[in-house]
Amino acid sequence: MKILVVDDEKDMQALFEQRFRKEIRDQKVSFAFANSGEEALSYLYGHNHEAVLILSDINMPGMSGLELLKHIKQKYSTPPPIVMMITAYGDSDNYHQAMQLGADDFLTKPLDFTLLKGKLKIAN
């Protein structure tokens, strides 16, 4: 399973690689990382349908995660990648807007990696 993580926090890549070390080693999952919505769209353009799941932060400079979600759901309709939105703010406005735009799930920071693995159906 290829997962694209979109977050402007630079330490997210190291955190995901640490928390999914065993799954990466066992080749159950692989990751690509983008630091902005624009970078994520560029990655998706060059790797069409490679990422089956996108984990995107909502609050980023430039293109927000909600804008990215809108682009993804409009452009990549067959098959659509699963998009989970991540935010440090568990406010209902972001949640409802993300769901209206077609988000498949919604997670809050700090990320609960046990919960995430459960959602991804990856055994701990």
N, C-alpha and C. Protein backbone atom coordinates (compact mmCIF):
# COMPACT_ATOMS: atom_id res chain seq x y z
N MET A 1 0.85 -1.17 0.00
CA MET A 1 0.00 0.00 0.00
C MET A 1 0.90 1.24 0.00
N LYS A 2 0.69 2.10 -0.98
CA LYS A 2 1.47 3.34 -1.07
C LYS A 2 0.67 4.47 -0.45
N ILE A 3 1.28 5.17 0.51
CA ILE A 3 0.62 6.26 1.22
C ILE A 3 1.39 7.55 0.99
N LEU A 4 0.67 8.58 0.59
CA LEU A 4 1.25 9.91 0.43
C LEU A 4 0.86 10.73 1.65
N VAL A 5 1.85 11.19 2.41
CA VAL A 5 1.62 12.03 3.59
C VAL A 5 1.92 13.47 3.20
N VAL A 6 0.95 14.36 3.41
CA VAL A 6 1.10 15.77 3.05
C VAL A 6 1.02 16.60 4.32
N ASP A 7 2.14 17.19 4.71
CA ASP A 7 2.18 17.98 5.94
C ASP A 7 3.37 18.92 5.87
N ASP A 8 3.17 20.17 6.30
CA ASP A 8 4.27 21.14 6.26
C ASP A 8 5.22 20.99 7.44
N GLU A 9 4.89 20.15 8.41
CA GLU A 9 5.80 19.91 9.54
C GLU A 9 6.88 18.92 9.08
N LYS A 10 8.12 19.36 9.11
CA LYS A 10 9.23 18.57 8.58
C LYS A 10 9.46 17.27 9.34
N ASP A 11 9.10 17.22 10.63
CA ASP A 11 9.38 16.01 11.41
C ASP A 11 8.37 14.89 11.18
N MET A 12 7.32 15.14 10.40
CA MET A 12 6.32 14.09 10.16
C MET A 12 6.91 12.89 9.42
N GLN A 13 7.82 13.13 8.49
CA GLN A 13 8.41 12.02 7.74
C GLN A 13 9.14 11.08 8.68
N ALA A 14 9.98 11.61 9.55
CA ALA A 14 10.73 10.77 10.50
C ALA A 14 9.77 10.04 11.44
N LEU A 15 8.72 10.72 11.85
CA LEU A 15 7.74 10.12 12.76
C LEU A 15 7.03 8.94 12.10
N PHE A 16 6.57 9.10 10.86
CA PHE A 16 5.90 8.00 10.15
C PHE A 16 6.87 6.85 9.90
N GLU A 17 8.10 7.16 9.50
CA GLU A 17 9.08 6.10 9.23
C GLU A 17 9.42 5.34 10.49
N GLN A 18 9.44 6.02 11.64
CA GLN A 18 9.70 5.35 12.91
C GLN A 18 8.51 4.48 13.32
N ARG A 19 7.31 5.05 13.29
CA ARG A 19 6.11 4.33 13.75
C ARG A 19 5.71 3.18 12.84
N PHE A 20 6.09 3.22 11.56
CA PHE A 20 5.75 2.16 10.62
C PHE A 20 6.99 1.37 10.18
N ARG A 21 8.05 1.41 11.01
CA ARG A 21 9.31 0.76 10.65
C ARG A 21 9.10 -0.71 10.26
N LYS A 22 8.39 -1.46 11.09
CA LYS A 22 8.17 -2.89 10.84
C LYS A 22 7.36 -3.11 9.56
N GLU A 23 6.30 -2.31 9.37
CA GLU A 23 5.44 -2.45 8.19
C GLU A 23 6.19 -2.09 6.91
N ILE A 24 7.08 -1.11 7.00
CA ILE A 24 7.90 -0.73 5.84
C ILE A 24 8.88 -1.86 5.54
N ARG A 25 9.54 -2.38 6.58
CA ARG A 25 10.49 -3.47 6.40
C ARG A 25 9.82 -4.71 5.80
N ASP A 26 8.59 -5.00 6.27
CA ASP A 26 7.84 -6.16 5.78
C ASP A 26 7.13 -5.87 4.45
N GLN A 27 7.36 -4.69 3.90
CA GLN A 27 6.80 -4.24 2.62
C GLN A 27 5.28 -4.28 2.58
N LYS A 28 4.65 -4.03 3.74
CA LYS A 28 3.19 -3.92 3.80
C LYS A 28 2.76 -2.52 3.39
N VAL A 29 3.67 -1.56 3.57
CA VAL A 29 3.33 -0.17 3.29
C VAL A 29 4.59 0.57 2.83
N SER A 30 4.40 1.56 1.97
CA SER A 30 5.50 2.45 1.61
C SER A 30 4.94 3.87 1.61
N PHE A 31 5.83 4.82 1.84
CA PHE A 31 5.41 6.20 1.98
C PHE A 31 6.08 7.11 0.98
N ALA A 32 5.35 8.15 0.60
CA ALA A 32 5.91 9.29 -0.12
C ALA A 32 5.49 10.50 0.72
N PHE A 33 6.29 11.55 0.69
CA PHE A 33 6.02 12.72 1.53
C PHE A 33 6.03 13.99 0.69
N ALA A 34 5.09 14.87 0.99
CA ALA A 34 5.03 16.18 0.34
C ALA A 34 4.84 17.21 1.45
N ASN A 35 5.51 18.35 1.30
CA ASN A 35 5.46 19.40 2.33
C ASN A 35 4.40 20.46 2.06
N SER A 36 3.65 20.32 0.97
CA SER A 36 2.61 21.30 0.64
C SER A 36 1.58 20.66 -0.28
N GLY A 37 0.43 21.32 -0.40
CA GLY A 37 -0.59 20.85 -1.33
C GLY A 37 -0.10 20.85 -2.76
N GLU A 38 0.66 21.90 -3.10
CA GLU A 38 1.19 22.02 -4.46
C GLU A 38 2.15 20.86 -4.76
N GLU A 39 3.01 20.55 -3.78
CA GLU A 39 3.97 19.45 -3.95
C GLU A 39 3.23 18.11 -4.07
N ALA A 40 2.15 17.96 -3.33
CA ALA A 40 1.35 16.73 -3.40
C ALA A 40 0.73 16.55 -4.78
N LEU A 41 0.17 17.63 -5.33
CA LEU A 41 -0.43 17.55 -6.67
C LEU A 41 0.63 17.22 -7.72
N SER A 42 1.81 17.80 -7.57
CA SER A 42 2.91 17.51 -8.49
C SER A 42 3.29 16.03 -8.41
N TYR A 43 3.35 15.50 -7.19
CA TYR A 43 3.66 14.07 -7.01
C TYR A 43 2.58 13.22 -7.67
N LEU A 44 1.32 13.53 -7.41
CA LEU A 44 0.22 12.74 -7.97
C LEU A 44 0.21 12.80 -9.49
N TYR A 45 0.55 13.96 -10.03
CA TYR A 45 0.60 14.12 -11.49
C TYR A 45 1.66 13.19 -12.09
N GLY A 46 2.80 13.07 -11.41
CA GLY A 46 3.89 12.24 -11.92
C GLY A 46 3.77 10.77 -11.55
N HIS A 47 2.91 10.44 -10.62
CA HIS A 47 2.75 9.04 -10.15
C HIS A 47 1.27 8.68 -10.13
N ASN A 48 0.62 8.80 -11.26
CA ASN A 48 -0.82 8.60 -11.36
C ASN A 48 -1.26 7.26 -10.78
N HIS A 49 -2.18 7.31 -9.83
CA HIS A 49 -2.78 6.13 -9.19
C HIS A 49 -1.79 5.27 -8.41
N GLU A 50 -0.62 5.80 -8.12
CA GLU A 50 0.33 5.04 -7.31
C GLU A 50 -0.06 5.10 -5.84
N ALA A 51 -0.44 6.28 -5.37
CA ALA A 51 -0.84 6.43 -3.97
C ALA A 51 -2.30 6.02 -3.83
N VAL A 52 -2.55 5.01 -3.00
CA VAL A 52 -3.93 4.56 -2.80
C VAL A 52 -4.56 5.27 -1.60
N LEU A 53 -3.71 5.87 -0.77
CA LEU A 53 -4.20 6.59 0.40
C LEU A 53 -3.41 7.88 0.55
N ILE A 54 -4.11 8.96 0.83
CA ILE A 54 -3.46 10.25 1.05
C ILE A 54 -3.85 10.72 2.44
N LEU A 55 -2.85 11.01 3.25
CA LEU A 55 -3.06 11.60 4.59
C LEU A 55 -2.62 13.05 4.48
N SER A 56 -3.55 13.97 4.61
CA SER A 56 -3.21 15.38 4.41
C SER A 56 -3.58 16.24 5.61
N ASP A 57 -2.62 17.06 6.01
CA ASP A 57 -2.88 18.09 7.00
C ASP A 57 -3.83 19.10 6.37
N ILE A 58 -4.67 19.73 7.19
CA ILE A 58 -5.58 20.75 6.66
C ILE A 58 -4.90 22.11 6.61
N ASN A 59 -4.25 22.48 7.70
CA ASN A 59 -3.67 23.82 7.81
C ASN A 59 -2.22 23.85 7.35
N MET A 60 -2.03 24.32 6.11
CA MET A 60 -0.68 24.43 5.53
C MET A 60 -0.59 25.78 4.82
N PRO A 61 0.62 26.34 4.74
CA PRO A 61 0.78 27.57 3.97
C PRO A 61 0.54 27.29 2.48
N GLY A 62 0.09 28.28 1.75
CA GLY A 62 -0.22 28.07 0.34
C GLY A 62 -1.54 27.33 0.21
N MET A 63 -1.54 26.28 -0.57
CA MET A 63 -2.75 25.49 -0.77
C MET A 63 -3.08 24.70 0.50
N SER A 64 -4.27 24.91 1.03
CA SER A 64 -4.67 24.18 2.25
C SER A 64 -4.99 22.73 1.90
N GLY A 65 -5.07 21.91 2.93
CA GLY A 65 -5.45 20.52 2.74
C GLY A 65 -6.85 20.38 2.16
N LEU A 66 -7.74 21.31 2.51
CA LEU A 66 -9.10 21.27 1.96
C LEU A 66 -9.09 21.57 0.46
N GLU A 67 -8.26 22.52 0.03
CA GLU A 67 -8.13 22.82 -1.40
C GLU A 67 -7.54 21.62 -2.13
N LEU A 68 -6.53 20.99 -1.51
CA LEU A 68 -5.92 19.80 -2.10
C LEU A 68 -6.96 18.69 -2.24
N LEU A 69 -7.75 18.47 -1.20
CA LEU A 69 -8.80 17.46 -1.23
C LEU A 69 -9.76 17.70 -2.40
N LYS A 70 -10.15 18.94 -2.59
CA LYS A 70 -11.06 19.29 -3.68
C LYS A 70 -10.44 18.94 -5.04
N HIS A 71 -9.18 19.28 -5.23
CA HIS A 71 -8.47 18.95 -6.48
C HIS A 71 -8.42 17.44 -6.70
N ILE A 72 -8.06 16.71 -5.65
CA ILE A 72 -7.91 15.26 -5.77
C ILE A 72 -9.24 14.62 -6.14
N LYS A 73 -10.30 14.98 -5.45
CA LYS A 73 -11.60 14.35 -5.69
C LYS A 73 -12.17 14.70 -7.06
N GLN A 74 -11.81 15.88 -7.59
CA GLN A 74 -12.27 16.26 -8.93
C GLN A 74 -11.46 15.57 -10.02
N LYS A 75 -10.15 15.48 -9.84
CA LYS A 75 -9.28 14.98 -10.91
C LYS A 75 -9.10 13.47 -10.91
N TYR A 76 -8.99 12.86 -9.72
CA TYR A 76 -8.67 11.44 -9.65
C TYR A 76 -9.91 10.66 -9.26
N SER A 77 -10.83 10.53 -10.21
CA SER A 77 -12.11 9.91 -9.88
C SER A 77 -12.12 8.40 -10.06
N THR A 78 -11.26 7.86 -10.91
CA THR A 78 -11.26 6.41 -11.13
C THR A 78 -9.86 5.84 -11.08
N PRO A 79 -9.51 4.98 -10.16
CA PRO A 79 -10.22 4.85 -8.89
C PRO A 79 -9.83 6.00 -7.97
N PRO A 80 -10.74 6.45 -7.15
CA PRO A 80 -10.37 7.58 -6.28
C PRO A 80 -9.46 7.12 -5.14
N PRO A 81 -8.39 7.87 -4.87
CA PRO A 81 -7.59 7.51 -3.69
C PRO A 81 -8.39 7.81 -2.43
N ILE A 82 -8.13 7.07 -1.38
CA ILE A 82 -8.74 7.34 -0.09
C ILE A 82 -8.02 8.55 0.50
N VAL A 83 -8.76 9.53 0.96
CA VAL A 83 -8.14 10.73 1.52
C VAL A 83 -8.59 10.90 2.97
N MET A 84 -7.61 10.87 3.88
CA MET A 84 -7.86 11.12 5.30
C MET A 84 -7.26 12.48 5.63
N MET A 85 -8.05 13.34 6.23
CA MET A 85 -7.60 14.68 6.60
C MET A 85 -7.09 14.67 8.04
N ILE A 86 -6.03 15.43 8.27
CA ILE A 86 -5.42 15.52 9.60
C ILE A 86 -5.38 16.99 10.02
N THR A 87 -5.77 17.26 11.24
CA THR A 87 -5.67 18.63 11.73
C THR A 87 -5.39 18.66 13.22
N ALA A 88 -4.71 19.69 13.64
CA ALA A 88 -4.46 19.88 15.07
C ALA A 88 -5.70 20.47 15.72
N TYR A 89 -6.60 20.95 14.88
CA TYR A 89 -7.81 21.58 15.38
C TYR A 89 -9.00 20.67 15.12
N GLY A 90 -9.54 20.08 16.16
CA GLY A 90 -10.66 19.16 15.98
C GLY A 90 -11.97 19.91 15.89
N ASP A 91 -11.95 21.08 15.23
CA ASP A 91 -13.17 21.89 15.20
C ASP A 91 -14.15 21.37 14.16
N SER A 92 -15.42 21.58 14.42
CA SER A 92 -16.47 21.02 13.58
C SER A 92 -16.52 21.67 12.19
N ASP A 93 -16.09 22.94 12.07
CA ASP A 93 -16.10 23.58 10.75
C ASP A 93 -15.20 22.84 9.76
N ASN A 94 -13.96 22.59 10.17
CA ASN A 94 -13.03 21.85 9.30
C ASN A 94 -13.56 20.45 9.01
N TYR A 95 -14.09 19.79 10.03
CA TYR A 95 -14.62 18.43 9.86
C TYR A 95 -15.74 18.42 8.80
N HIS A 96 -16.72 19.30 8.97
CA HIS A 96 -17.85 19.33 8.04
C HIS A 96 -17.42 19.72 6.63
N GLN A 97 -16.51 20.68 6.54
CA GLN A 97 -16.03 21.10 5.21
C GLN A 97 -15.28 19.95 4.53
N ALA A 98 -14.44 19.25 5.29
CA ALA A 98 -13.68 18.12 4.73
C ALA A 98 -14.64 17.03 4.26
N MET A 99 -15.64 16.72 5.05
CA MET A 99 -16.59 15.67 4.67
C MET A 99 -17.42 16.09 3.45
N GLN A 100 -17.80 17.35 3.36
CA GLN A 100 -18.55 17.84 2.20
C GLN A 100 -17.72 17.73 0.93
N LEU A 101 -16.42 17.91 1.06
CA LEU A 101 -15.53 17.85 -0.10
C LEU A 101 -15.16 16.42 -0.47
N GLY A 102 -15.60 15.45 0.34
CA GLY A 102 -15.38 14.05 -0.01
C GLY A 102 -14.30 13.34 0.77
N ALA A 103 -13.87 13.90 1.90
CA ALA A 103 -12.87 13.21 2.72
C ALA A 103 -13.43 11.86 3.17
N ASP A 104 -12.55 10.87 3.22
CA ASP A 104 -12.97 9.54 3.63
C ASP A 104 -12.87 9.35 5.14
N ASP A 105 -12.03 10.16 5.78
CA ASP A 105 -11.89 10.05 7.23
C ASP A 105 -11.24 11.33 7.74
N PHE A 106 -11.19 11.48 9.04
CA PHE A 106 -10.72 12.71 9.67
C PHE A 106 -9.99 12.34 10.94
N LEU A 107 -8.72 12.75 11.04
CA LEU A 107 -7.90 12.44 12.20
C LEU A 107 -7.41 13.73 12.85
N THR A 108 -7.15 13.68 14.16
CA THR A 108 -6.62 14.87 14.82
C THR A 108 -5.21 14.61 15.33
N LYS A 109 -4.43 15.70 15.41
CA LYS A 109 -3.08 15.63 15.96
C LYS A 109 -3.17 15.87 17.45
N PRO A 110 -2.29 15.28 18.25
CA PRO A 110 -1.26 14.34 17.82
C PRO A 110 -1.88 13.04 17.33
N LEU A 111 -1.30 12.49 16.26
CA LEU A 111 -1.85 11.28 15.65
C LEU A 111 -1.75 10.09 16.59
N ASP A 112 -2.81 9.32 16.65
CA ASP A 112 -2.84 8.05 17.37
C ASP A 112 -2.48 6.98 16.33
N PHE A 113 -1.22 6.54 16.34
CA PHE A 113 -0.76 5.62 15.31
C PHE A 113 -1.39 4.23 15.43
N THR A 114 -1.78 3.83 16.62
CA THR A 114 -2.48 2.55 16.80
C THR A 114 -3.83 2.62 16.11
N LEU A 115 -4.54 3.73 16.31
CA LEU A 115 -5.83 3.95 15.65
C LEU A 115 -5.64 4.00 14.14
N LEU A 116 -4.62 4.72 13.67
CA LEU A 116 -4.36 4.84 12.23
C LEU A 116 -4.09 3.47 11.63
N LYS A 117 -3.25 2.67 12.27
CA LYS A 117 -2.95 1.33 11.75
C LYS A 117 -4.22 0.48 11.69
N GLY A 118 -5.09 0.65 12.69
CA GLY A 118 -6.36 -0.07 12.69
C GLY A 118 -7.22 0.34 11.50
N LYS A 119 -7.27 1.63 11.22
CA LYS A 119 -8.04 2.13 10.07
C LYS A 119 -7.45 1.62 8.76
N LEU A 120 -6.13 1.47 8.72
CA LEU A 120 -5.45 0.99 7.52
C LEU A 120 -5.47 -0.53 7.44
N LYS A 121 -6.00 -1.16 8.49
CA LYS A 121 -6.04 -2.63 8.60
C LYS A 121 -4.65 -3.24 8.55
N ILE A 122 -3.72 -2.57 9.25
CA ILE A 122 -2.37 -3.08 9.37
C ILE A 122 -2.20 -3.53 10.82
N ALA A 123 -1.88 -4.78 11.02
CA ALA A 123 -1.71 -5.29 12.39
C ALA A 123 -0.51 -4.62 13.04
N ASN A 124 -0.63 -4.36 14.34
CA ASN A 124 0.49 -3.75 15.08
C ASN A 124 1.56 -4.77 15.38
